[in-house]
Each structure stands twice: as structure tokens, then as C-alpha cells.
Amino acid sequence: MKKVSTETIIRTIILVVTLVNQVLTTLGKNPLPFAEEDIYAVLTTAATIAATAWAWWKNNSFTNAAIAADNYMNEIKATGTENEEV
């Protein structure tokens, strides 16, 4: 049995929540009693956390030596062999 991807699970959860919200709204209920400012704050915080995690996770090479090392690493990955001359 193949593993269901995390993205599929997230999309399904979001779909279920939005469908339940729509049905309850149609029935005159207010299922998500959040102010617009609350939603903005949550989305802004989520975007900040995502950007922080992405910047932290990625290799951020600023120095010439680090950039040269990245190029060397990419060359090794592309060819599958190490260059003996460093």
C-alpha cells in the first residue's frame, strides 16, 4: 500500500473544514467566529514562520569560499565523481 502524501492530507482537511463552514453558513450559523483582524494576524504569523523556516533550511552562501564550495558540491552531484584537484 502506498503512503498518502502530506500534501494530500492537508488539502483534504482544508476541503472538509471549508465544506463544513459553507454548510453551517448556509444554515445561518457562524461556525468561525473570527474577526478579520484575527485572520490577518494568523496568516501573517504563518507566513513569517514559513519564510523563517525556509530561509533557515536553505543553504545561504554569502562568502566567495562558500559559493565556490557550493559550486564544487553541485559539480560532484552532477558527475557523481570527486575532482582530485582541490
PDB file of N, CA and C in Angstrom:
ATOM      1  N   MET A   1       0.839  -1.173   0.000  1.00  0.00           N
ATOM      2  CA  MET A   1       0.000   0.000   0.000  1.00  0.00           C
ATOM      3  C   MET A   1       0.888   1.243   0.000  1.00  0.00           C
ATOM      4  N   LYS A   2       0.592   2.168  -0.885  1.00  0.00           N
ATOM      5  CA  LYS A   2       1.387   3.374  -0.991  1.00  0.00           C
ATOM      6  C   LYS A   2       1.003   4.366   0.099  1.00  0.00           C
ATOM      7  N   LYS A   3       1.992   5.138   0.527  1.00  0.00           N
ATOM      8  CA  LYS A   3       1.775   6.138   1.566  1.00  0.00           C
ATOM      9  C   LYS A   3       1.106   7.369   0.962  1.00  0.00           C
ATOM     10  N   VAL A   4       0.069   7.873   1.639  1.00  0.00           N
ATOM     11  CA  VAL A   4      -0.604   9.086   1.197  1.00  0.00           C
ATOM     12  C   VAL A   4       0.283  10.272   1.555  1.00  0.00           C
ATOM     13  N   SER A   5       0.456  11.179   0.602  1.00  0.00           N
ATOM     14  CA  SER A   5       1.352  12.316   0.840  1.00  0.00           C
ATOM     15  C   SER A   5       0.752  13.291   1.846  1.00  0.00           C
ATOM     16  N   THR A   6       1.627  14.003   2.513  1.00  0.00           N
ATOM     17  CA  THR A   6       1.215  15.013   3.490  1.00  0.00           C
ATOM     18  C   THR A   6       0.379  16.091   2.822  1.00  0.00           C
ATOM     19  N   GLU A   7       0.751  16.471   1.606  1.00  0.00           N
ATOM     20  CA  GLU A   7       0.010  17.496   0.884  1.00  0.00           C
ATOM     21  C   GLU A   7      -1.434  17.060   0.634  1.00  0.00           C
ATOM     22  N   THR A   8      -1.633  15.792   0.304  1.00  0.00           N
ATOM     23  CA  THR A   8      -2.978  15.279   0.081  1.00  0.00           C
ATOM     24  C   THR A   8      -3.802  15.343   1.358  1.00  0.00           C
ATOM     25  N   ILE A   9      -3.210  14.986   2.463  1.00  0.00           N
ATOM     26  CA  ILE A   9      -3.913  15.032   3.748  1.00  0.00           C
ATOM     27  C   ILE A   9      -4.285  16.472   4.096  1.00  0.00           C
ATOM     28  N   ILE A  10      -3.366  17.415   3.914  1.00  0.00           N
ATOM     29  CA  ILE A  10      -3.640  18.823   4.215  1.00  0.00           C
ATOM     30  C   ILE A  10      -4.761  19.353   3.332  1.00  0.00           C
ATOM     31  N   ARG A  11      -4.701  19.058   2.034  1.00  0.00           N
ATOM     32  CA  ARG A  11      -5.758  19.524   1.128  1.00  0.00           C
ATOM     33  C   ARG A  11      -7.106  18.948   1.508  1.00  0.00           C
ATOM     34  N   THR A  12      -7.133  17.691   1.922  1.00  0.00           N
ATOM     35  CA  THR A  12      -8.392  17.060   2.325  1.00  0.00           C
ATOM     36  C   THR A  12      -8.950  17.699   3.586  1.00  0.00           C
ATOM     37  N   ILE A  13      -8.100  17.974   4.554  1.00  0.00           N
ATOM     38  CA  ILE A  13      -8.549  18.618   5.798  1.00  0.00           C
ATOM     39  C   ILE A  13      -9.110  20.009   5.500  1.00  0.00           C
ATOM     40  N   ILE A  14      -8.406  20.771   4.668  1.00  0.00           N
ATOM     41  CA  ILE A  14      -8.883  22.103   4.313  1.00  0.00           C
ATOM     42  C   ILE A  14     -10.215  22.019   3.578  1.00  0.00           C
ATOM     43  N   LEU A  15     -10.354  21.057   2.690  1.00  0.00           N
ATOM     44  CA  LEU A  15     -11.606  20.871   1.971  1.00  0.00           C
ATOM     45  C   LEU A  15     -12.751  20.569   2.927  1.00  0.00           C
ATOM     46  N   VAL A  16     -12.535  19.665   3.876  1.00  0.00           N
ATOM     47  CA  VAL A  16     -13.577  19.302   4.838  1.00  0.00           C
ATOM     48  C   VAL A  16     -13.968  20.510   5.689  1.00  0.00           C
ATOM     49  N   VAL A  17     -12.969  21.253   6.174  1.00  0.00           N
ATOM     50  CA  VAL A  17     -13.258  22.431   7.009  1.00  0.00           C
ATOM     51  C   VAL A  17     -14.053  23.467   6.225  1.00  0.00           C
ATOM     52  N   THR A  18     -13.651  23.722   4.973  1.00  0.00           N
ATOM     53  CA  THR A  18     -14.371  24.723   4.189  1.00  0.00           C
ATOM     54  C   THR A  18     -15.774  24.256   3.821  1.00  0.00           C
ATOM     55  N   LEU A  19     -15.942  22.962   3.560  1.00  0.00           N
ATOM     56  CA  LEU A  19     -17.286  22.447   3.269  1.00  0.00           C
ATOM     57  C   LEU A  19     -18.198  22.546   4.490  1.00  0.00           C
ATOM     58  N   VAL A  20     -17.684  22.177   5.657  1.00  0.00           N
ATOM     59  CA  VAL A  20     -18.475  22.284   6.882  1.00  0.00           C
ATOM     60  C   VAL A  20     -18.814  23.746   7.145  1.00  0.00           C
ATOM     61  N   ASN A  21     -17.848  24.630   6.961  1.00  0.00           N
ATOM     62  CA  ASN A  21     -18.087  26.063   7.145  1.00  0.00           C
ATOM     63  C   ASN A  21     -19.176  26.558   6.199  1.00  0.00           C
ATOM     64  N   GLN A  22     -19.140  26.131   4.950  1.00  0.00           N
ATOM     65  CA  GLN A  22     -20.126  26.568   3.973  1.00  0.00           C
ATOM     66  C   GLN A  22     -21.525  26.070   4.331  1.00  0.00           C
ATOM     67  N   VAL A  23     -21.632  24.818   4.738  1.00  0.00           N
ATOM     68  CA  VAL A  23     -22.940  24.262   5.121  1.00  0.00           C
ATOM     69  C   VAL A  23     -23.489  24.999   6.337  1.00  0.00           C
ATOM     70  N   LEU A  24     -22.670  25.227   7.335  1.00  0.00           N
ATOM     71  CA  LEU A  24     -23.129  25.934   8.529  1.00  0.00           C
ATOM     72  C   LEU A  24     -23.505  27.379   8.221  1.00  0.00           C
ATOM     73  N   THR A  25     -22.758  28.035   7.336  1.00  0.00           N
ATOM     74  CA  THR A  25     -23.098  29.398   6.934  1.00  0.00           C
ATOM     75  C   THR A  25     -24.439  29.421   6.208  1.00  0.00           C
ATOM     76  N   THR A  26     -24.670  28.427   5.351  1.00  0.00           N
ATOM     77  CA  THR A  26     -25.935  28.324   4.638  1.00  0.00           C
ATOM     78  C   THR A  26     -27.101  28.133   5.605  1.00  0.00           C
ATOM     79  N   LEU A  27     -26.867  27.429   6.699  1.00  0.00           N
ATOM     80  CA  LEU A  27     -27.901  27.184   7.703  1.00  0.00           C
ATOM     81  C   LEU A  27     -28.050  28.352   8.685  1.00  0.00           C
ATOM     82  N   GLY A  28     -27.307  29.434   8.470  1.00  0.00           N
ATOM     83  CA  GLY A  28     -27.431  30.610   9.320  1.00  0.00           C
ATOM     84  C   GLY A  28     -26.557  30.593  10.553  1.00  0.00           C
ATOM     85  N   LYS A  29     -25.641  29.681  10.640  1.00  0.00           N
ATOM     86  CA  LYS A  29     -24.733  29.611  11.785  1.00  0.00           C
ATOM     87  C   LYS A  29     -23.453  30.378  11.455  1.00  0.00           C
ATOM     88  N   ASN A  30     -22.715  30.777  12.475  1.00  0.00           N
ATOM     89  CA  ASN A  30     -21.419  31.424  12.284  1.00  0.00           C
ATOM     90  C   ASN A  30     -20.364  30.502  12.873  1.00  0.00           C
ATOM     91  N   PRO A  31     -19.899  29.512  12.090  1.00  0.00           N
ATOM     92  CA  PRO A  31     -19.009  28.479  12.624  1.00  0.00           C
ATOM     93  C   PRO A  31     -17.613  28.971  12.972  1.00  0.00           C
ATOM     94  N   LEU A  32     -17.155  29.994  12.284  1.00  0.00           N
ATOM     95  CA  LEU A  32     -15.817  30.504  12.530  1.00  0.00           C
ATOM     96  C   LEU A  32     -15.927  31.955  13.001  1.00  0.00           C
ATOM     97  N   PRO A  33     -16.150  32.134  14.281  1.00  0.00           N
ATOM     98  CA  PRO A  33     -16.381  33.495  14.791  1.00  0.00           C
ATOM     99  C   PRO A  33     -15.084  34.284  14.997  1.00  0.00           C
ATOM    100  N   PHE A  34     -14.376  34.533  13.915  1.00  0.00           N
ATOM    101  CA  PHE A  34     -13.130  35.272  13.995  1.00  0.00           C
ATOM    102  C   PHE A  34     -13.320  36.636  13.354  1.00  0.00           C
ATOM    103  N   ALA A  35     -12.704  37.625  13.946  1.00  0.00           N
ATOM    104  CA  ALA A  35     -12.703  38.947  13.332  1.00  0.00           C
ATOM    105  C   ALA A  35     -11.693  38.956  12.191  1.00  0.00           C
ATOM    106  N   GLU A  36     -11.871  39.873  11.270  1.00  0.00           N
ATOM    107  CA  GLU A  36     -10.970  39.962  10.129  1.00  0.00           C
ATOM    108  C   GLU A  36      -9.536  40.216  10.590  1.00  0.00           C
ATOM    109  N   GLU A  37      -9.375  40.976  11.658  1.00  0.00           N
ATOM    110  CA  GLU A  37      -8.044  41.263  12.186  1.00  0.00           C
ATOM    111  C   GLU A  37      -7.381  39.997  12.720  1.00  0.00           C
ATOM    112  N   ASP A  38      -8.180  39.113  13.332  1.00  0.00           N
ATOM    113  CA  ASP A  38      -7.634  37.853  13.849  1.00  0.00           C
ATOM    114  C   ASP A  38      -7.105  36.980  12.709  1.00  0.00           C
ATOM    115  N   ILE A  39      -7.878  36.897  11.642  1.00  0.00           N
ATOM    116  CA  ILE A  39      -7.470  36.091  10.484  1.00  0.00           C
ATOM    117  C   ILE A  39      -6.196  36.671   9.877  1.00  0.00           C
ATOM    118  N   TYR A  40      -6.143  37.997   9.748  1.00  0.00           N
ATOM    119  CA  TYR A  40      -4.955  38.660   9.206  1.00  0.00           C
ATOM    120  C   TYR A  40      -3.734  38.361  10.073  1.00  0.00           C
ATOM    121  N   ALA A  41      -3.896  38.444  11.384  1.00  0.00           N
ATOM    122  CA  ALA A  41      -2.778  38.193  12.299  1.00  0.00           C
ATOM    123  C   ALA A  41      -2.284  36.761  12.181  1.00  0.00           C
ATOM    124  N   VAL A  42      -3.192  35.815  12.102  1.00  0.00           N
ATOM    125  CA  VAL A  42      -2.812  34.400  11.987  1.00  0.00           C
ATOM    126  C   VAL A  42      -2.096  34.143  10.666  1.00  0.00           C
ATOM    127  N   LEU A  43      -2.624  34.671   9.573  1.00  0.00           N
ATOM    128  CA  LEU A  43      -1.997  34.450   8.269  1.00  0.00           C
ATOM    129  C   LEU A  43      -0.634  35.121   8.179  1.00  0.00           C
ATOM    130  N   THR A  44      -0.516  36.316   8.756  1.00  0.00           N
ATOM    131  CA  THR A  44       0.772  36.997   8.755  1.00  0.00           C
ATOM    132  C   THR A  44       1.802  36.225   9.570  1.00  0.00           C
ATOM    133  N   THR A  45       1.384  35.728  10.716  1.00  0.00           N
ATOM    134  CA  THR A  45       2.284  34.935  11.553  1.00  0.00           C
ATOM    135  C   THR A  45       2.701  33.649  10.840  1.00  0.00           C
ATOM    136  N   ALA A  46       1.755  32.987  10.200  1.00  0.00           N
ATOM    137  CA  ALA A  46       2.063  31.751   9.471  1.00  0.00           C
ATOM    138  C   ALA A  46       3.044  32.023   8.329  1.00  0.00           C
ATOM    139  N   ALA A  47       2.835  33.132   7.609  1.00  0.00           N
ATOM    140  CA  ALA A  47       3.747  33.479   6.516  1.00  0.00           C
ATOM    141  C   ALA A  47       5.147  33.793   7.046  1.00  0.00           C
ATOM    142  N   THR A  48       5.214  34.473   8.179  1.00  0.00           N
ATOM    143  CA  THR A  48       6.514  34.797   8.774  1.00  0.00           C
ATOM    144  C   THR A  48       7.236  33.534   9.219  1.00  0.00           C
ATOM    145  N   ILE A  49       6.525  32.620   9.840  1.00  0.00           N
ATOM    146  CA  ILE A  49       7.118  31.362  10.280  1.00  0.00           C
ATOM    147  C   ILE A  49       7.605  30.554   9.070  1.00  0.00           C
ATOM    148  N   ALA A  50       6.796  30.498   8.017  1.00  0.00           N
ATOM    149  CA  ALA A  50       7.179  29.748   6.819  1.00  0.00           C
ATOM    150  C   ALA A  50       8.421  30.354   6.162  1.00  0.00           C
ATOM    151  N   ALA A  51       8.460  31.684   6.059  1.00  0.00           N
ATOM    152  CA  ALA A  51       9.615  32.346   5.450  1.00  0.00           C
ATOM    153  C   ALA A  51      10.872  32.139   6.293  1.00  0.00           C
ATOM    154  N   THR A  52      10.724  32.186   7.607  1.00  0.00           N
ATOM    155  CA  THR A  52      11.849  31.976   8.502  1.00  0.00           C
ATOM    156  C   THR A  52      12.396  30.556   8.366  1.00  0.00           C
ATOM    157  N   ALA A  53      11.500  29.580   8.368  1.00  0.00           N
ATOM    158  CA  ALA A  53      11.918  28.182   8.246  1.00  0.00           C
ATOM    159  C   ALA A  53      12.590  27.929   6.904  1.00  0.00           C
ATOM    160  N   TRP A  54      12.045  28.510   5.842  1.00  0.00           N
ATOM    161  CA  TRP A  54      12.608  28.314   4.512  1.00  0.00           C
ATOM    162  C   TRP A  54      14.004  28.927   4.422  1.00  0.00           C
ATOM    163  N   ALA A  55      14.153  30.159   4.928  1.00  0.00           N
ATOM    164  CA  ALA A  55      15.460  30.817   4.890  1.00  0.00           C
ATOM    165  C   ALA A  55      16.477  30.073   5.754  1.00  0.00           C
ATOM    166  N   TRP A  56      16.031  29.554   6.875  1.00  0.00           N
ATOM    167  CA  TRP A  56      16.928  28.817   7.760  1.00  0.00           C
ATOM    168  C   TRP A  56      17.340  27.495   7.138  1.00  0.00           C
ATOM    169  N   TRP A  57      16.413  26.808   6.480  1.00  0.00           N
ATOM    170  CA  TRP A  57      16.668  25.477   5.940  1.00  0.00           C
ATOM    171  C   TRP A  57      17.600  25.522   4.725  1.00  0.00           C
ATOM    172  N   LYS A  58      17.393  26.520   3.873  1.00  0.00           N
ATOM    173  CA  LYS A  58      18.177  26.605   2.651  1.00  0.00           C
ATOM    174  C   LYS A  58      19.616  26.995   2.964  1.00  0.00           C
ATOM    175  N   ASN A  59      20.524  26.596   2.068  1.00  0.00           N
ATOM    176  CA  ASN A  59      21.940  26.927   2.207  1.00  0.00           C
ATOM    177  C   ASN A  59      22.131  28.348   1.700  1.00  0.00           C
ATOM    178  N   ASN A  60      22.455  29.272   2.600  1.00  0.00           N
ATOM    179  CA  ASN A  60      22.631  30.671   2.245  1.00  0.00           C
ATOM    180  C   ASN A  60      24.117  31.003   2.249  1.00  0.00           C
ATOM    181  N   SER A  61      24.738  30.880   1.101  1.00  0.00           N
ATOM    182  CA  SER A  61      26.178  31.134   0.981  1.00  0.00           C
ATOM    183  C   SER A  61      26.408  32.583   0.575  1.00  0.00           C
ATOM    184  N   PHE A  62      27.155  33.312   1.414  1.00  0.00           N
ATOM    185  CA  PHE A  62      27.436  34.714   1.151  1.00  0.00           C
ATOM    186  C   PHE A  62      28.890  34.960   0.783  1.00  0.00           C
ATOM    187  N   THR A  63      29.794  34.200   1.347  1.00  0.00           N
ATOM    188  CA  THR A  63      31.212  34.435   1.088  1.00  0.00           C
ATOM    189  C   THR A  63      31.637  33.756  -0.209  1.00  0.00           C
ATOM    190  N   ASN A  64      32.746  34.244  -0.776  1.00  0.00           N
ATOM    191  CA  ASN A  64      33.266  33.645  -2.009  1.00  0.00           C
ATOM    192  C   ASN A  64      33.636  32.181  -1.796  1.00  0.00           C
ATOM    193  N   ALA A  65      34.209  31.869  -0.638  1.00  0.00           N
ATOM    194  CA  ALA A  65      34.601  30.486  -0.350  1.00  0.00           C
ATOM    195  C   ALA A  65      33.368  29.581  -0.275  1.00  0.00           C
ATOM    196  N   ALA A  66      32.312  30.056   0.341  1.00  0.00           N
ATOM    197  CA  ALA A  66      31.095  29.246   0.456  1.00  0.00           C
ATOM    198  C   ALA A  66      30.451  29.034  -0.913  1.00  0.00           C
ATOM    199  N   ILE A  67      30.438  30.073  -1.736  1.00  0.00           N
ATOM    200  CA  ILE A  67      29.872  29.948  -3.082  1.00  0.00           C
ATOM    201  C   ILE A  67      30.692  28.972  -3.913  1.00  0.00           C
ATOM    202  N   ALA A  68      32.023  29.036  -3.798  1.00  0.00           N
ATOM    203  CA  ALA A  68      32.890  28.097  -4.517  1.00  0.00           C
ATOM    204  C   ALA A  68      32.648  26.672  -4.039  1.00  0.00           C
ATOM    205  N   ALA A  69      32.457  26.502  -2.734  1.00  0.00           N
ATOM    206  CA  ALA A  69      32.181  25.171  -2.190  1.00  0.00           C
ATOM    207  C   ALA A  69      30.851  24.641  -2.702  1.00  0.00           C
ATOM    208  N   ASP A  70      29.841  25.506  -2.812  1.00  0.00           N
ATOM    209  CA  ASP A  70      28.546  25.096  -3.368  1.00  0.00           C
ATOM    210  C   ASP A  70      28.697  24.649  -4.812  1.00  0.00           C
ATOM    211  N   ASN A  71      29.470  25.404  -5.587  1.00  0.00           N
ATOM    212  CA  ASN A  71      29.690  25.023  -6.986  1.00  0.00           C
ATOM    213  C   ASN A  71      30.393  23.680  -7.081  1.00  0.00           C
ATOM    214  N   TYR A  72      31.376  23.463  -6.217  1.00  0.00           N
ATOM    215  CA  TYR A  72      32.096  22.187  -6.193  1.00  0.00           C
ATOM    216  C   TYR A  72      31.151  21.047  -5.819  1.00  0.00           C
ATOM    217  N   MET A  73      30.318  21.279  -4.811  1.00  0.00           N
ATOM    218  CA  MET A  73      29.356  20.256  -4.392  1.00  0.00           C
ATOM    219  C   MET A  73      28.388  19.926  -5.537  1.00  0.00           C
ATOM    220  N   ASN A  74      27.893  20.955  -6.232  1.00  0.00           N
ATOM    221  CA  ASN A  74      26.970  20.723  -7.345  1.00  0.00           C
ATOM    222  C   ASN A  74      27.643  19.976  -8.486  1.00  0.00           C
ATOM    223  N   GLU A  75      28.926  20.247  -8.703  1.00  0.00           N
ATOM    224  CA  GLU A  75      29.682  19.524  -9.726  1.00  0.00           C
ATOM    225  C   GLU A  75      29.809  18.047  -9.355  1.00  0.00           C
ATOM    226  N   ILE A  76      30.094  17.777  -8.093  1.00  0.00           N
ATOM    227  CA  ILE A  76      30.207  16.388  -7.626  1.00  0.00           C
ATOM    228  C   ILE A  76      28.869  15.675  -7.791  1.00  0.00           C
ATOM    229  N   LYS A  77      27.789  16.342  -7.413  1.00  0.00           N
ATOM    230  CA  LYS A  77      26.456  15.730  -7.543  1.00  0.00           C
ATOM    231  C   LYS A  77      26.110  15.467  -9.005  1.00  0.00           C
ATOM    232  N   ALA A  78      26.487  16.395  -9.893  1.00  0.00           N
ATOM    233  CA  ALA A  78      26.145  16.255 -11.304  1.00  0.00           C
ATOM    234  C   ALA A  78      26.919  15.136 -11.971  1.00  0.00           C
ATOM    235  N   THR A  79      28.201  14.988 -11.632  1.00  0.00           N
ATOM    236  CA  THR A  79      29.033  13.994 -12.306  1.00  0.00           C
ATOM    237  C   THR A  79      29.123  12.682 -11.545  1.00  0.00           C
ATOM    238  N   GLY A  80      28.879  12.754 -10.246  1.00  0.00           N
ATOM    239  CA  GLY A  80      28.978  11.554  -9.434  1.00  0.00           C
ATOM    240  C   GLY A  80      30.406  11.193  -9.057  1.00  0.00           C
ATOM    241  N   THR A  81      31.348  12.045  -9.410  1.00  0.00           N
ATOM    242  CA  THR A  81      32.749  11.794  -9.062  1.00  0.00           C
ATOM    243  C   THR A  81      33.349  13.034  -8.421  1.00  0.00           C
ATOM    244  N   GLU A  82      34.381  12.823  -7.621  1.00  0.00           N
ATOM    245  CA  GLU A  82      35.081  13.934  -6.993  1.00  0.00           C
ATOM    246  C   GLU A  82      36.284  14.319  -7.817  1.00  0.00           C
ATOM    247  N   ASN A  83      36.519  15.597  -7.908  1.00  0.00           N
ATOM    248  CA  ASN A  83      37.692  16.109  -8.604  1.00  0.00           C
ATOM    249  C   ASN A  83      38.857  16.009  -7.636  1.00  0.00           C
ATOM    250  N   GLU A  84      39.932  15.351  -8.024  1.00  0.00           N
ATOM    251  CA  GLU A  84      41.077  15.162  -7.135  1.00  0.00           C
ATOM    252  C   GLU A  84      41.818  16.461  -6.877  1.00  0.00           C
ATOM    253  N   GLU A  85      41.758  17.414  -7.820  1.00  0.00           N
ATOM    254  CA  GLU A  85      42.432  18.679  -7.642  1.00  0.00           C
ATOM    255  C   GLU A  85      41.507  19.644  -6.938  1.00  0.00           C
ATOM    256  N   VAL A  86      41.891  20.055  -5.734  1.00  0.00           N
ATOM    257  CA  VAL A  86      41.048  20.986  -4.977  1.00  0.00           C
ATOM    258  C   VAL A  86      41.707  22.325  -4.934  1.00  0.00           C
TER     259      VAL A  86
END
